[in-house]
Amino acid sequence: MHLAQVIVTAVTIAANAGIAAADFAKAKSVLANSAEVQLPPSWLPWLATLKAAGAAGLLLGLLGLRPLGIAAATGLVLFYTGAVITHIRARVHHNIAFPGAYLALAVASLLLALATGA
């Protein structure tokens, strides 16, 4: 396993665990952003669960369950692609960097997992 993969994946895990916790807690910033992109608050626990599952899957991938880590990274890439599309459709561009950054981390984690073969 390469050091770059461990570092990037660890950052991706921490970022997704953190935003999942904020979603579960219904932080003010999360509620405000959700309202801006016309996302019902009732969806937050479901979306938080997906983010937390992605973080857990990435962790298990680092611990040796490579196929699960790759599946988790793929799921997060799809999830954040949807988030970016949602921002674009809602014409909320002022904070699109946030889902974009999470998407970039997920893509990097996936590509590094595939490239290292570990």
PDB file of N, CA and C in Angstrom:
ATOM      1  N   MET A   1       0.864  -1.181   0.000  1.00  0.00           N
ATOM      2  CA  MET A   1       0.000   0.000   0.000  1.00  0.00           C
ATOM      3  C   MET A   1       0.902   1.232   0.000  1.00  0.00           C
ATOM      4  N   HIS A   2       0.554   2.197  -0.780  1.00  0.00           N
ATOM      5  CA  HIS A   2       1.356   3.395  -0.903  1.00  0.00           C
ATOM      6  C   HIS A   2       0.928   4.456   0.102  1.00  0.00           C
ATOM      7  N   LEU A   3       1.913   5.223   0.518  1.00  0.00           N
ATOM      8  CA  LEU A   3       1.657   6.270   1.513  1.00  0.00           C
ATOM      9  C   LEU A   3       0.624   7.279   1.016  1.00  0.00           C
ATOM     10  N   ALA A   4       0.704   7.651  -0.250  1.00  0.00           N
ATOM     11  CA  ALA A   4      -0.255   8.620  -0.797  1.00  0.00           C
ATOM     12  C   ALA A   4      -1.687   8.095  -0.676  1.00  0.00           C
ATOM     13  N   GLN A   5      -1.871   6.816  -0.942  1.00  0.00           N
ATOM     14  CA  GLN A   5      -3.212   6.232  -0.836  1.00  0.00           C
ATOM     15  C   GLN A   5      -3.710   6.309   0.600  1.00  0.00           C
ATOM     16  N   VAL A   6      -2.864   5.979   1.547  1.00  0.00           N
ATOM     17  CA  VAL A   6      -3.261   5.999   2.957  1.00  0.00           C
ATOM     18  C   VAL A   6      -3.622   7.416   3.384  1.00  0.00           C
ATOM     19  N   ILE A   7      -2.806   8.380   3.010  1.00  0.00           N
ATOM     20  CA  ILE A   7      -3.051   9.763   3.425  1.00  0.00           C
ATOM     21  C   ILE A   7      -4.333  10.309   2.799  1.00  0.00           C
ATOM     22  N   VAL A   8      -4.462  10.161   1.483  1.00  0.00           N
ATOM     23  CA  VAL A   8      -5.647  10.695   0.799  1.00  0.00           C
ATOM     24  C   VAL A   8      -6.910  10.005   1.291  1.00  0.00           C
ATOM     25  N   THR A   9      -6.844   8.692   1.453  1.00  0.00           N
ATOM     26  CA  THR A   9      -8.029   7.960   1.921  1.00  0.00           C
ATOM     27  C   THR A   9      -8.364   8.328   3.361  1.00  0.00           C
ATOM     28  N   ALA A  10      -7.360   8.520   4.197  1.00  0.00           N
ATOM     29  CA  ALA A  10      -7.614   8.930   5.584  1.00  0.00           C
ATOM     30  C   ALA A  10      -8.280  10.308   5.629  1.00  0.00           C
ATOM     31  N   VAL A  11      -7.836  11.224   4.782  1.00  0.00           N
ATOM     32  CA  VAL A  11      -8.467  12.549   4.722  1.00  0.00           C
ATOM     33  C   VAL A  11      -9.915  12.408   4.233  1.00  0.00           C
ATOM     34  N   THR A  12     -10.131  11.555   3.253  1.00  0.00           N
ATOM     35  CA  THR A  12     -11.493  11.331   2.739  1.00  0.00           C
ATOM     36  C   THR A  12     -12.389  10.729   3.814  1.00  0.00           C
ATOM     37  N   ILE A  13     -11.856   9.801   4.559  1.00  0.00           N
ATOM     38  CA  ILE A  13     -12.620   9.195   5.665  1.00  0.00           C
ATOM     39  C   ILE A  13     -12.990  10.263   6.688  1.00  0.00           C
ATOM     40  N   ALA A  14     -12.013  11.056   7.108  1.00  0.00           N
ATOM     41  CA  ALA A  14     -12.264  12.086   8.119  1.00  0.00           C
ATOM     42  C   ALA A  14     -13.276  13.116   7.624  1.00  0.00           C
ATOM     43  N   ALA A  15     -13.140  13.529   6.371  1.00  0.00           N
ATOM     44  CA  ALA A  15     -14.061  14.527   5.818  1.00  0.00           C
ATOM     45  C   ALA A  15     -15.486  13.991   5.772  1.00  0.00           C
ATOM     46  N   ASN A  16     -15.651  12.760   5.344  1.00  0.00           N
ATOM     47  CA  ASN A  16     -16.992  12.197   5.237  1.00  0.00           C
ATOM     48  C   ASN A  16     -17.588  11.881   6.603  1.00  0.00           C
ATOM     49  N   ALA A  17     -16.769  11.423   7.530  1.00  0.00           N
ATOM     50  CA  ALA A  17     -17.270  11.192   8.887  1.00  0.00           C
ATOM     51  C   ALA A  17     -17.701  12.514   9.517  1.00  0.00           C
ATOM     52  N   GLY A  18     -16.922  13.553   9.282  1.00  0.00           N
ATOM     53  CA  GLY A  18     -17.254  14.865   9.838  1.00  0.00           C
ATOM     54  C   GLY A  18     -18.543  15.438   9.275  1.00  0.00           C
ATOM     55  N   ILE A  19     -18.708  15.373   7.957  1.00  0.00           N
ATOM     56  CA  ILE A  19     -19.928  15.936   7.364  1.00  0.00           C
ATOM     57  C   ILE A  19     -21.136  15.055   7.683  1.00  0.00           C
ATOM     58  N   ALA A  20     -20.927  13.757   7.824  1.00  0.00           N
ATOM     59  CA  ALA A  20     -22.037  12.886   8.234  1.00  0.00           C
ATOM     60  C   ALA A  20     -22.496  13.261   9.642  1.00  0.00           C
ATOM     61  N   ALA A  21     -21.548  13.524  10.528  1.00  0.00           N
ATOM     62  CA  ALA A  21     -21.898  13.938  11.896  1.00  0.00           C
ATOM     63  C   ALA A  21     -22.657  15.259  11.882  1.00  0.00           C
ATOM     64  N   ALA A  22     -22.214  16.194  11.046  1.00  0.00           N
ATOM     65  CA  ALA A  22     -22.919  17.485  10.943  1.00  0.00           C
ATOM     66  C   ALA A  22     -24.328  17.284  10.394  1.00  0.00           C
ATOM     67  N   ASP A  23     -24.471  16.381   9.433  1.00  0.00           N
ATOM     68  CA  ASP A  23     -25.794  16.079   8.889  1.00  0.00           C
ATOM     69  C   ASP A  23     -26.701  15.462   9.962  1.00  0.00           C
ATOM     70  N   PHE A  24     -26.168  14.485  10.684  1.00  0.00           N
ATOM     71  CA  PHE A  24     -26.959  13.841  11.738  1.00  0.00           C
ATOM     72  C   PHE A  24     -27.377  14.855  12.806  1.00  0.00           C
ATOM     73  N   ALA A  25     -26.482  15.801  13.115  1.00  0.00           N
ATOM     74  CA  ALA A  25     -26.762  16.815  14.130  1.00  0.00           C
ATOM     75  C   ALA A  25     -27.641  17.944  13.602  1.00  0.00           C
ATOM     76  N   LYS A  26     -27.889  17.938  12.299  1.00  0.00           N
ATOM     77  CA  LYS A  26     -28.662  18.994  11.637  1.00  0.00           C
ATOM     78  C   LYS A  26     -28.086  20.377  11.963  1.00  0.00           C
ATOM     79  N   ALA A  27     -26.790  20.491  11.701  1.00  0.00           N
ATOM     80  CA  ALA A  27     -26.094  21.761  11.925  1.00  0.00           C
ATOM     81  C   ALA A  27     -26.738  22.868  11.091  1.00  0.00           C
ATOM     82  N   LYS A  28     -26.677  24.089  11.609  1.00  0.00           N
ATOM     83  CA  LYS A  28     -27.296  25.232  10.922  1.00  0.00           C
ATOM     84  C   LYS A  28     -26.823  25.360   9.483  1.00  0.00           C
ATOM     85  N   SER A  29     -25.525  25.211   9.264  1.00  0.00           N
ATOM     86  CA  SER A  29     -24.980  25.353   7.909  1.00  0.00           C
ATOM     87  C   SER A  29     -25.511  24.264   6.983  1.00  0.00           C
ATOM     88  N   VAL A  30     -25.675  23.075   7.515  1.00  0.00           N
ATOM     89  CA  VAL A  30     -26.213  21.964   6.716  1.00  0.00           C
ATOM     90  C   VAL A  30     -27.667  22.240   6.347  1.00  0.00           C
ATOM     91  N   LEU A  31     -28.448  22.691   7.314  1.00  0.00           N
ATOM     92  CA  LEU A  31     -29.853  23.000   7.049  1.00  0.00           C
ATOM     93  C   LEU A  31     -29.994  24.145   6.051  1.00  0.00           C
ATOM     94  N   ALA A  32     -29.142  25.160   6.183  1.00  0.00           N
ATOM     95  CA  ALA A  32     -29.202  26.298   5.259  1.00  0.00           C
ATOM     96  C   ALA A  32     -28.847  25.874   3.838  1.00  0.00           C
ATOM     97  N   ASN A  33     -27.791  25.085   3.708  1.00  0.00           N
ATOM     98  CA  ASN A  33     -27.383  24.616   2.387  1.00  0.00           C
ATOM     99  C   ASN A  33     -28.449  23.710   1.780  1.00  0.00           C
ATOM    100  N   SER A  34     -29.011  22.844   2.576  1.00  0.00           N
ATOM    101  CA  SER A  34     -30.061  21.937   2.090  1.00  0.00           C
ATOM    102  C   SER A  34     -31.264  22.719   1.582  1.00  0.00           C
ATOM    103  N   ALA A  35     -31.637  23.746   2.310  1.00  0.00           N
ATOM    104  CA  ALA A  35     -32.773  24.576   1.897  1.00  0.00           C
ATOM    105  C   ALA A  35     -32.467  25.284   0.582  1.00  0.00           C
ATOM    106  N   GLU A  36     -31.242  25.760   0.435  1.00  0.00           N
ATOM    107  CA  GLU A  36     -30.865  26.480  -0.790  1.00  0.00           C
ATOM    108  C   GLU A  36     -30.981  25.604  -2.030  1.00  0.00           C
ATOM    109  N   VAL A  37     -30.625  24.323  -1.890  1.00  0.00           N
ATOM    110  CA  VAL A  37     -30.687  23.422  -3.049  1.00  0.00           C
ATOM    111  C   VAL A  37     -31.998  22.640  -3.086  1.00  0.00           C
ATOM    112  N   GLN A  38     -32.946  23.067  -2.255  1.00  0.00           N
ATOM    113  CA  GLN A  38     -34.301  22.506  -2.216  1.00  0.00           C
ATOM    114  C   GLN A  38     -34.323  21.024  -1.839  1.00  0.00           C
ATOM    115  N   LEU A  39     -33.503  20.679  -0.863  1.00  0.00           N
ATOM    116  CA  LEU A  39     -33.438  19.322  -0.346  1.00  0.00           C
ATOM    117  C   LEU A  39     -34.254  19.261   0.938  1.00  0.00           C
ATOM    118  N   PRO A  40     -35.243  18.402   1.009  1.00  0.00           N
ATOM    119  CA  PRO A  40     -36.055  18.320   2.230  1.00  0.00           C
ATOM    120  C   PRO A  40     -35.223  17.895   3.448  1.00  0.00           C
ATOM    121  N   PRO A  41     -35.430  18.524   4.598  1.00  0.00           N
ATOM    122  CA  PRO A  41     -34.682  18.145   5.809  1.00  0.00           C
ATOM    123  C   PRO A  41     -34.842  16.670   6.175  1.00  0.00           C
ATOM    124  N   SER A  42     -35.942  16.073   5.788  1.00  0.00           N
ATOM    125  CA  SER A  42     -36.166  14.658   6.100  1.00  0.00           C
ATOM    126  C   SER A  42     -35.174  13.739   5.390  1.00  0.00           C
ATOM    127  N   TRP A  43     -34.496  14.238   4.377  1.00  0.00           N
ATOM    128  CA  TRP A  43     -33.500  13.435   3.656  1.00  0.00           C
ATOM    129  C   TRP A  43     -32.148  13.394   4.372  1.00  0.00           C
ATOM    130  N   LEU A  44     -31.896  14.349   5.267  1.00  0.00           N
ATOM    131  CA  LEU A  44     -30.579  14.458   5.890  1.00  0.00           C
ATOM    132  C   LEU A  44     -30.110  13.176   6.583  1.00  0.00           C
ATOM    133  N   PRO A  45     -30.935  12.512   7.375  1.00  0.00           N
ATOM    134  CA  PRO A  45     -30.434  11.285   8.015  1.00  0.00           C
ATOM    135  C   PRO A  45     -30.047  10.203   6.999  1.00  0.00           C
ATOM    136  N   TRP A  46     -30.777  10.119   5.909  1.00  0.00           N
ATOM    137  CA  TRP A  46     -30.467   9.120   4.878  1.00  0.00           C
ATOM    138  C   TRP A  46     -29.157   9.458   4.182  1.00  0.00           C
ATOM    139  N   LEU A  47     -28.978  10.723   3.851  1.00  0.00           N
ATOM    140  CA  LEU A  47     -27.745  11.145   3.190  1.00  0.00           C
ATOM    141  C   LEU A  47     -26.549  11.026   4.133  1.00  0.00           C
ATOM    142  N   ALA A  48     -26.764  11.344   5.402  1.00  0.00           N
ATOM    143  CA  ALA A  48     -25.701  11.201   6.397  1.00  0.00           C
ATOM    144  C   ALA A  48     -25.293   9.736   6.532  1.00  0.00           C
ATOM    145  N   THR A  49     -26.264   8.854   6.488  1.00  0.00           N
ATOM    146  CA  THR A  49     -25.970   7.423   6.584  1.00  0.00           C
ATOM    147  C   THR A  49     -25.121   6.961   5.412  1.00  0.00           C
ATOM    148  N   LEU A  50     -25.425   7.453   4.215  1.00  0.00           N
ATOM    149  CA  LEU A  50     -24.623   7.096   3.039  1.00  0.00           C
ATOM    150  C   LEU A  50     -23.186   7.598   3.176  1.00  0.00           C
ATOM    151  N   LYS A  51     -23.026   8.820   3.663  1.00  0.00           N
ATOM    152  CA  LYS A  51     -21.682   9.371   3.855  1.00  0.00           C
ATOM    153  C   LYS A  51     -20.910   8.577   4.906  1.00  0.00           C
ATOM    154  N   ALA A  52     -21.576   8.250   6.008  1.00  0.00           N
ATOM    155  CA  ALA A  52     -20.930   7.470   7.067  1.00  0.00           C
ATOM    156  C   ALA A  52     -20.570   6.070   6.571  1.00  0.00           C
ATOM    157  N   ALA A  53     -21.452   5.464   5.802  1.00  0.00           N
ATOM    158  CA  ALA A  53     -21.170   4.142   5.240  1.00  0.00           C
ATOM    159  C   ALA A  53     -19.977   4.211   4.290  1.00  0.00           C
ATOM    160  N   GLY A  54     -19.901   5.288   3.514  1.00  0.00           N
ATOM    161  CA  GLY A  54     -18.756   5.466   2.626  1.00  0.00           C
ATOM    162  C   GLY A  54     -17.455   5.566   3.409  1.00  0.00           C
ATOM    163  N   ALA A  55     -17.470   6.351   4.476  1.00  0.00           N
ATOM    164  CA  ALA A  55     -16.279   6.485   5.318  1.00  0.00           C
ATOM    165  C   ALA A  55     -15.892   5.145   5.934  1.00  0.00           C
ATOM    166  N   ALA A  56     -16.872   4.411   6.427  1.00  0.00           N
ATOM    167  CA  ALA A  56     -16.601   3.101   7.029  1.00  0.00           C
ATOM    168  C   ALA A  56     -16.050   2.122   5.990  1.00  0.00           C
ATOM    169  N   GLY A  57     -16.630   2.141   4.807  1.00  0.00           N
ATOM    170  CA  GLY A  57     -16.156   1.258   3.748  1.00  0.00           C
ATOM    171  C   GLY A  57     -14.729   1.582   3.333  1.00  0.00           C
ATOM    172  N   LEU A  58     -14.396   2.866   3.258  1.00  0.00           N
ATOM    173  CA  LEU A  58     -13.020   3.252   2.941  1.00  0.00           C
ATOM    174  C   LEU A  58     -12.051   2.766   4.014  1.00  0.00           C
ATOM    175  N   LEU A  59     -12.459   2.900   5.270  1.00  0.00           N
ATOM    176  CA  LEU A  59     -11.614   2.432   6.369  1.00  0.00           C
ATOM    177  C   LEU A  59     -11.387   0.929   6.273  1.00  0.00           C
ATOM    178  N   LEU A  60     -12.452   0.193   6.034  1.00  0.00           N
ATOM    179  CA  LEU A  60     -12.312  -1.261   5.896  1.00  0.00           C
ATOM    180  C   LEU A  60     -11.449  -1.621   4.688  1.00  0.00           C
ATOM    181  N   GLY A  61     -11.523  -0.806   3.647  1.00  0.00           N
ATOM    182  CA  GLY A  61     -10.661  -1.017   2.492  1.00  0.00           C
ATOM    183  C   GLY A  61      -9.190  -0.852   2.846  1.00  0.00           C
ATOM    184  N   LEU A  62      -8.895   0.159   3.644  1.00  0.00           N
ATOM    185  CA  LEU A  62      -7.510   0.347   4.090  1.00  0.00           C
ATOM    186  C   LEU A  62      -7.036  -0.782   4.990  1.00  0.00           C
ATOM    187  N   LEU A  63      -7.976  -1.380   5.698  1.00  0.00           N
ATOM    188  CA  LEU A  63      -7.626  -2.451   6.636  1.00  0.00           C
ATOM    189  C   LEU A  63      -7.551  -3.824   5.978  1.00  0.00           C
ATOM    190  N   GLY A  64      -7.715  -3.858   4.639  1.00  0.00           N
ATOM    191  CA  GLY A  64      -7.512  -5.123   3.942  1.00  0.00           C
ATOM    192  C   GLY A  64      -8.671  -5.607   3.099  1.00  0.00           C
ATOM    193  N   LEU A  65      -9.841  -5.036   3.268  1.00  0.00           N
ATOM    194  CA  LEU A  65     -10.994  -5.449   2.461  1.00  0.00           C
ATOM    195  C   LEU A  65     -11.065  -4.560   1.218  1.00  0.00           C
ATOM    196  N   ARG A  66     -10.079  -4.741   0.324  1.00  0.00           N
ATOM    197  CA  ARG A  66      -9.908  -3.870  -0.842  1.00  0.00           C
ATOM    198  C   ARG A  66     -11.169  -3.708  -1.680  1.00  0.00           C
ATOM    199  N   PRO A  67     -11.886  -4.801  -2.022  1.00  0.00           N
ATOM    200  CA  PRO A  67     -13.094  -4.619  -2.839  1.00  0.00           C
ATOM    201  C   PRO A  67     -14.139  -3.723  -2.168  1.00  0.00           C
ATOM    202  N   LEU A  68     -14.250  -3.817  -0.860  1.00  0.00           N
ATOM    203  CA  LEU A  68     -15.196  -2.973  -0.138  1.00  0.00           C
ATOM    204  C   LEU A  68     -14.747  -1.511  -0.183  1.00  0.00           C
ATOM    205  N   GLY A  69     -13.459  -1.274  -0.060  1.00  0.00           N
ATOM    206  CA  GLY A  69     -12.939   0.088  -0.154  1.00  0.00           C
ATOM    207  C   GLY A  69     -13.173   0.688  -1.524  1.00  0.00           C
ATOM    208  N   ILE A  70     -12.981  -0.113  -2.564  1.00  0.00           N
ATOM    209  CA  ILE A  70     -13.219   0.365  -3.925  1.00  0.00           C
ATOM    210  C   ILE A  70     -14.703   0.639  -4.135  1.00  0.00           C
ATOM    211  N   ALA A  71     -15.549  -0.236  -3.628  1.00  0.00           N
ATOM    212  CA  ALA A  71     -17.002  -0.017  -3.739  1.00  0.00           C
ATOM    213  C   ALA A  71     -17.421   1.240  -2.993  1.00  0.00           C
ATOM    214  N   ALA A  72     -16.861   1.458  -1.823  1.00  0.00           N
ATOM    215  CA  ALA A  72     -17.197   2.650  -1.034  1.00  0.00           C
ATOM    216  C   ALA A  72     -16.750   3.916  -1.757  1.00  0.00           C
ATOM    217  N   ALA A  73     -15.544   3.895  -2.297  1.00  0.00           N
ATOM    218  CA  ALA A  73     -15.052   5.063  -3.024  1.00  0.00           C
ATOM    219  C   ALA A  73     -15.913   5.334  -4.251  1.00  0.00           C
ATOM    220  N   THR A  74     -16.301   4.278  -4.949  1.00  0.00           N
ATOM    221  CA  THR A  74     -17.175   4.428  -6.116  1.00  0.00           C
ATOM    222  C   THR A  74     -18.515   5.020  -5.710  1.00  0.00           C
ATOM    223  N   GLY A  75     -19.066   4.534  -4.606  1.00  0.00           N
ATOM    224  CA  GLY A  75     -20.334   5.067  -4.108  1.00  0.00           C
ATOM    225  C   GLY A  75     -20.229   6.537  -3.754  1.00  0.00           C
ATOM    226  N   LEU A  76     -19.128   6.929  -3.132  1.00  0.00           N
ATOM    227  CA  LEU A  76     -18.946   8.341  -2.773  1.00  0.00           C
ATOM    228  C   LEU A  76     -18.768   9.207  -4.018  1.00  0.00           C
ATOM    229  N   VAL A  77     -18.078   8.689  -5.029  1.00  0.00           N
ATOM    230  CA  VAL A  77     -17.950   9.439  -6.287  1.00  0.00           C
ATOM    231  C   VAL A  77     -19.337   9.691  -6.879  1.00  0.00           C
ATOM    232  N   LEU A  78     -20.166   8.665  -6.907  1.00  0.00           N
ATOM    233  CA  LEU A  78     -21.524   8.822  -7.446  1.00  0.00           C
ATOM    234  C   LEU A  78     -22.348   9.770  -6.585  1.00  0.00           C
ATOM    235  N   PHE A  79     -22.234   9.630  -5.277  1.00  0.00           N
ATOM    236  CA  PHE A  79     -22.984  10.483  -4.353  1.00  0.00           C
ATOM    237  C   PHE A  79     -22.639  11.950  -4.574  1.00  0.00           C
ATOM    238  N   TYR A  80     -21.345  12.270  -4.595  1.00  0.00           N
ATOM    239  CA  TYR A  80     -20.949  13.675  -4.717  1.00  0.00           C
ATOM    240  C   TYR A  80     -21.116  14.206  -6.132  1.00  0.00           C
ATOM    241  N   THR A  81     -21.109  13.339  -7.117  1.00  0.00           N
ATOM    242  CA  THR A  81     -21.473  13.778  -8.465  1.00  0.00           C
ATOM    243  C   THR A  81     -22.918  14.262  -8.444  1.00  0.00           C
ATOM    244  N   GLY A  82     -23.776  13.508  -7.770  1.00  0.00           N
ATOM    245  CA  GLY A  82     -25.172  13.923  -7.605  1.00  0.00           C
ATOM    246  C   GLY A  82     -25.295  15.234  -6.847  1.00  0.00           C
ATOM    247  N   ALA A  83     -24.453  15.426  -5.838  1.00  0.00           N
ATOM    248  CA  ALA A  83     -24.496  16.667  -5.063  1.00  0.00           C
ATOM    249  C   ALA A  83     -24.090  17.867  -5.922  1.00  0.00           C
ATOM    250  N   VAL A  84     -23.062  17.696  -6.726  1.00  0.00           N
ATOM    251  CA  VAL A  84     -22.636  18.789  -7.618  1.00  0.00           C
ATOM    252  C   VAL A  84     -23.738  19.096  -8.626  1.00  0.00           C
ATOM    253  N   ILE A  85     -24.330  18.062  -9.196  1.00  0.00           N
ATOM    254  CA  ILE A  85     -25.429  18.257 -10.148  1.00  0.00           C
ATOM    255  C   ILE A  85     -26.597  18.971  -9.480  1.00  0.00           C
ATOM    256  N   THR A  86     -26.900  18.604  -8.241  1.00  0.00           N
ATOM    257  CA  THR A  86     -27.985  19.251  -7.499  1.00  0.00           C
ATOM    258  C   THR A  86     -27.705  20.739  -7.319  1.00  0.00           C
ATOM    259  N   HIS A  87     -26.469  21.083  -7.002  1.00  0.00           N
ATOM    260  CA  HIS A  87     -26.099  22.496  -6.856  1.00  0.00           C
ATOM    261  C   HIS A  87     -26.252  23.238  -8.185  1.00  0.00           C
ATOM    262  N   ILE A  88     -25.814  22.611  -9.257  1.00  0.00           N
ATOM    263  CA  ILE A  88     -25.909  23.246 -10.579  1.00  0.00           C
ATOM    264  C   ILE A  88     -27.368  23.445 -10.975  1.00  0.00           C
ATOM    265  N   ARG A  89     -28.179  22.412 -10.789  1.00  0.00           N
ATOM    266  CA  ARG A  89     -29.599  22.506 -11.154  1.00  0.00           C
ATOM    267  C   ARG A  89     -30.322  23.572 -10.342  1.00  0.00           C
ATOM    268  N   ALA A  90     -29.934  23.714  -9.076  1.00  0.00           N
ATOM    269  CA  ALA A  90     -30.573  24.719  -8.212  1.00  0.00           C
ATOM    270  C   ALA A  90     -29.948  26.101  -8.398  1.00  0.00           C
ATOM    271  N   ARG A  91     -28.929  26.180  -9.237  1.00  0.00           N
ATOM    272  CA  ARG A  91     -28.199  27.427  -9.489  1.00  0.00           C
ATOM    273  C   ARG A  91     -27.604  28.014  -8.205  1.00  0.00           C
ATOM    274  N   VAL A  92     -27.098  27.124  -7.383  1.00  0.00           N
ATOM    275  CA  VAL A  92     -26.411  27.513  -6.142  1.00  0.00           C
ATOM    276  C   VAL A  92     -24.921  27.264  -6.374  1.00  0.00           C
ATOM    277  N   HIS A  93     -24.262  28.297  -6.865  1.00  0.00           N
ATOM    278  CA  HIS A  93     -22.860  28.146  -7.245  1.00  0.00           C
ATOM    279  C   HIS A  93     -21.887  28.704  -6.215  1.00  0.00           C
ATOM    280  N   HIS A  94     -22.376  29.523  -5.305  1.00  0.00           N
ATOM    281  CA  HIS A  94     -21.469  30.189  -4.367  1.00  0.00           C
ATOM    282  C   HIS A  94     -20.776  29.222  -3.417  1.00  0.00           C
ATOM    283  N   ASN A  95     -21.335  28.052  -3.205  1.00  0.00           N
ATOM    284  CA  ASN A  95     -20.698  27.086  -2.310  1.00  0.00           C
ATOM    285  C   ASN A  95     -20.535  25.706  -2.955  1.00  0.00           C
ATOM    286  N   ILE A  96     -20.495  25.689  -4.271  1.00  0.00           N
ATOM    287  CA  ILE A  96     -20.339  24.417  -4.984  1.00  0.00           C
ATOM    288  C   ILE A  96     -18.966  23.790  -4.734  1.00  0.00           C
ATOM    289  N   ALA A  97     -18.037  24.585  -4.235  1.00  0.00           N
ATOM    290  CA  ALA A  97     -16.703  24.059  -3.929  1.00  0.00           C
ATOM    291  C   ALA A  97     -16.754  22.973  -2.857  1.00  0.00           C
ATOM    292  N   PHE A  98     -17.746  23.036  -1.979  1.00  0.00           N
ATOM    293  CA  PHE A  98     -17.821  22.030  -0.917  1.00  0.00           C
ATOM    294  C   PHE A  98     -18.123  20.641  -1.477  1.00  0.00           C
ATOM    295  N   PRO A  99     -19.227  20.437  -2.200  1.00  0.00           N
ATOM    296  CA  PRO A  99     -19.415  19.102  -2.767  1.00  0.00           C
ATOM    297  C   PRO A  99     -18.326  18.766  -3.785  1.00  0.00           C
ATOM    298  N   GLY A 100     -17.783  19.800  -4.451  1.00  0.00           N
ATOM    299  CA  GLY A 100     -16.694  19.567  -5.396  1.00  0.00           C
ATOM    300  C   GLY A 100     -15.446  19.028  -4.711  1.00  0.00           C
ATOM    301  N   ALA A 101     -15.136  19.545  -3.547  1.00  0.00           N
ATOM    302  CA  ALA A 101     -13.969  19.069  -2.799  1.00  0.00           C
ATOM    303  C   ALA A 101     -14.169  17.638  -2.316  1.00  0.00           C
ATOM    304  N   TYR A 102     -15.368  17.334  -1.822  1.00  0.00           N
ATOM    305  CA  TYR A 102     -15.652  15.966  -1.399  1.00  0.00           C
ATOM    306  C   TYR A 102     -15.584  15.016  -2.598  1.00  0.00           C
ATOM    307  N   LEU A 103     -16.076  15.474  -3.741  1.00  0.00           N
ATOM    308  CA  LEU A 103     -15.997  14.668  -4.966  1.00  0.00           C
ATOM    309  C   LEU A 103     -14.538  14.432  -5.340  1.00  0.00           C
ATOM    310  N   ALA A 104     -13.725  15.459  -5.290  1.00  0.00           N
ATOM    311  CA  ALA A 104     -12.308  15.313  -5.632  1.00  0.00           C
ATOM    312  C   ALA A 104     -11.614  14.316  -4.701  1.00  0.00           C
ATOM    313  N   LEU A 105     -11.916  14.380  -3.411  1.00  0.00           N
ATOM    314  CA  LEU A 105     -11.336  13.422  -2.463  1.00  0.00           C
ATOM    315  C   LEU A 105     -11.777  11.990  -2.780  1.00  0.00           C
ATOM    316  N   ALA A 106     -13.037  11.817  -3.091  1.00  0.00           N
ATOM    317  CA  ALA A 106     -13.546  10.480  -3.409  1.00  0.00           C
ATOM    318  C   ALA A 106     -12.898   9.941  -4.682  1.00  0.00           C
ATOM    319  N   VAL A 107     -12.782  10.791  -5.697  1.00  0.00           N
ATOM    320  CA  VAL A 107     -12.148  10.376  -6.955  1.00  0.00           C
ATOM    321  C   VAL A 107     -10.684  10.007  -6.703  1.00  0.00           C
ATOM    322  N   ALA A 108      -9.981  10.836  -5.942  1.00  0.00           N
ATOM    323  CA  ALA A 108      -8.574  10.552  -5.650  1.00  0.00           C
ATOM    324  C   ALA A 108      -8.433   9.239  -4.882  1.00  0.00           C
ATOM    325  N   SER A 109      -9.305   9.015  -3.915  1.00  0.00           N
ATOM    326  CA  SER A 109      -9.257   7.765  -3.146  1.00  0.00           C
ATOM    327  C   SER A 109      -9.498   6.557  -4.045  1.00  0.00           C
ATOM    328  N   LEU A 110     -10.475   6.687  -4.930  1.00  0.00           N
ATOM    329  CA  LEU A 110     -10.780   5.586  -5.847  1.00  0.00           C
ATOM    330  C   LEU A 110      -9.612   5.323  -6.797  1.00  0.00           C
ATOM    331  N   LEU A 111      -9.099   6.371  -7.410  1.00  0.00           N
ATOM    332  CA  LEU A 111      -7.996   6.186  -8.369  1.00  0.00           C
ATOM    333  C   LEU A 111      -6.745   5.617  -7.704  1.00  0.00           C
ATOM    334  N   LEU A 112      -6.443   6.085  -6.508  1.00  0.00           N
ATOM    335  CA  LEU A 112      -5.270   5.553  -5.801  1.00  0.00           C
ATOM    336  C   LEU A 112      -5.474   4.092  -5.400  1.00  0.00           C
ATOM    337  N   ALA A 113      -6.685   3.740  -4.979  1.00  0.00           N
ATOM    338  CA  ALA A 113      -6.951   2.335  -4.631  1.00  0.00           C
ATOM    339  C   ALA A 113      -6.809   1.437  -5.848  1.00  0.00           C
ATOM    340  N   LEU A 114      -7.305   1.916  -6.992  1.00  0.00           N
ATOM    341  CA  LEU A 114      -7.190   1.116  -8.210  1.00  0.00           C
ATOM    342  C   LEU A 114      -5.756   1.044  -8.702  1.00  0.00           C
ATOM    343  N   ALA A 115      -5.012   2.136  -8.573  1.00  0.00           N
ATOM    344  CA  ALA A 115      -3.636   2.192  -9.091  1.00  0.00           C
ATOM    345  C   ALA A 115      -2.653   1.391  -8.250  1.00  0.00           C
ATOM    346  N   THR A 116      -2.874   1.359  -6.940  1.00  0.00           N
ATOM    347  CA  THR A 116      -1.904   0.690  -6.080  1.00  0.00           C
ATOM    348  C   THR A 116      -2.117  -0.813  -6.015  1.00  0.00           C
ATOM    349  N   GLY A 117      -3.320  -1.241  -6.304  1.00  0.00           N
ATOM    350  CA  GLY A 117      -3.592  -2.669  -6.231  1.00  0.00           C
ATOM    351  C   GLY A 117      -3.530  -3.192  -4.818  1.00  0.00           C
ATOM    352  N   ALA A 118      -3.657  -2.285  -3.872  1.00  0.00           N
ATOM    353  CA  ALA A 118      -3.610  -2.715  -2.458  1.00  0.00           C
ATOM    354  C   ALA A 118      -4.909  -2.385  -1.771  1.00  0.00           C
TER     355      ALA A 118
END
